[in-house]
Each structure stands twice: as C-alpha cells, then as structure tokens.
Amino acid sequence: MDNRESIVKFGLRVRKLREDKNMTQQALADDAEVAKTTIQRIELARMVTNLDVILSLARALDVSPEDLFKKEV
C-alpha cells in the first residue's frame, strides 16, 4: 500500500466512524478541537494530519488511535 492509498483509507475510516456515531463534520471538529475544514480535508484525503490531530480524533470518536488505521472501512 502506498502513502496515497493509506491517506485515502484513513479519511474513509474517519468518515465511517463519524457517520456510525451520527456526527456531523462540525460536531466532530468541535469535539476534536479542530476546524471543520480539517475534518473535510482528512475525509477527502486532501491533507496529511499530525499525531496531535489523530489523538484528538480518536478521543472525539471514542476509539483508540489504532482503530483509525484499521483496514476495514
């Protein structure tokens, strides 16, 4: 798996977890203390994020950071 594919899969996983919790992008952004555009860009694989954001997303989604990288989407 190349880097681009990993970024796309990460974004899809974030979107799936968010939607499974019936959260809007804005609600996730608020809970993770990031901008809504950050969530949009992650889900669309238009940005590579950093560890702080990954940890914030995991906390906001009530999952482990590892869950954000699982293969199934």
Protein backbone atom coordinates (compact mmCIF):
# COMPACT_ATOMS: atom_id res chain seq x y z
CA MET A 1 0.00 0.00 0.00
CA ASP A 2 1.48 3.35 -0.97
CA ASN A 3 1.20 6.56 1.02
CA ARG A 4 -1.63 7.99 -1.07
CA GLU A 5 -3.72 4.86 -0.58
CA SER A 6 -3.08 4.99 3.17
CA ILE A 7 -4.21 8.61 3.32
CA VAL A 8 -7.40 7.79 1.40
CA LYS A 9 -8.18 4.81 3.64
CA PHE A 10 -7.54 6.87 6.78
CA GLY A 11 -10.00 9.51 5.58
CA LEU A 12 -12.63 6.92 4.72
CA ARG A 13 -12.21 5.33 8.14
CA VAL A 14 -12.66 8.67 9.91
CA ARG A 15 -15.79 9.35 7.86
CA LYS A 16 -17.24 5.89 8.59
CA LEU A 17 -16.63 6.18 12.33
CA ARG A 18 -18.11 9.68 12.36
CA GLU A 19 -21.19 8.60 10.43
CA ASP A 20 -21.60 5.48 12.60
CA LYS A 21 -21.91 7.86 15.56
CA ASN A 22 -24.34 10.10 13.65
CA MET A 23 -21.97 13.02 13.98
CA THR A 24 -21.69 15.91 11.57
CA GLN A 25 -18.30 17.11 10.43
CA GLN A 26 -18.86 20.21 12.57
CA ALA A 27 -19.67 18.15 15.67
CA LEU A 28 -16.52 16.06 15.21
CA ALA A 29 -14.47 19.19 14.62
CA ASP A 30 -15.84 20.76 17.79
CA ASP A 31 -15.22 17.64 19.87
CA ALA A 32 -11.71 17.20 18.46
CA GLU A 33 -10.99 20.93 18.78
CA VAL A 34 -10.02 21.34 15.13
CA ALA A 35 -11.51 23.31 12.26
CA LYS A 36 -14.33 21.82 10.22
CA THR A 37 -12.13 22.25 7.14
CA THR A 38 -9.58 19.95 8.77
CA ILE A 39 -12.21 17.20 9.01
CA GLN A 40 -13.30 17.83 5.43
CA ARG A 41 -9.74 17.65 4.13
CA ILE A 42 -8.94 14.50 6.09
CA GLU A 43 -12.07 12.72 4.87
CA LEU A 44 -11.35 13.75 1.28
CA ALA A 45 -7.68 12.73 1.58
CA ARG A 46 -6.57 16.28 0.82
CA MET A 47 -4.29 16.61 3.81
CA VAL A 48 -1.90 14.58 5.88
CA THR A 49 -2.52 15.15 9.55
CA ASN A 50 -0.27 15.01 12.58
CA LEU A 51 -0.25 12.92 15.73
CA ASP A 52 -2.00 15.56 17.84
CA VAL A 53 -4.98 15.62 15.46
CA ILE A 54 -5.06 11.82 15.25
CA LEU A 55 -5.21 11.59 19.04
CA SER A 56 -7.92 14.28 19.18
CA LEU A 57 -9.98 12.49 16.54
CA ALA A 58 -9.69 9.19 18.39
CA ARG A 59 -10.79 10.82 21.63
CA ALA A 60 -13.71 12.60 19.96
CA LEU A 61 -14.82 9.40 18.23
CA ASP A 62 -14.32 7.35 21.42
CA VAL A 63 -11.97 4.88 19.73
CA SER A 64 -8.33 4.02 20.12
CA PRO A 65 -5.89 5.71 17.73
CA GLU A 66 -5.22 2.27 16.26
CA ASP A 67 -8.89 1.99 15.29
CA LEU A 68 -8.41 4.91 12.92
CA PHE A 69 -5.95 2.81 10.92
CA LYS A 70 -7.82 -0.48 10.68
CA LYS A 71 -8.16 -1.86 7.17
CA GLU A 72 -11.91 -2.37 7.07
CA VAL A 73 -13.94 0.65 6.06
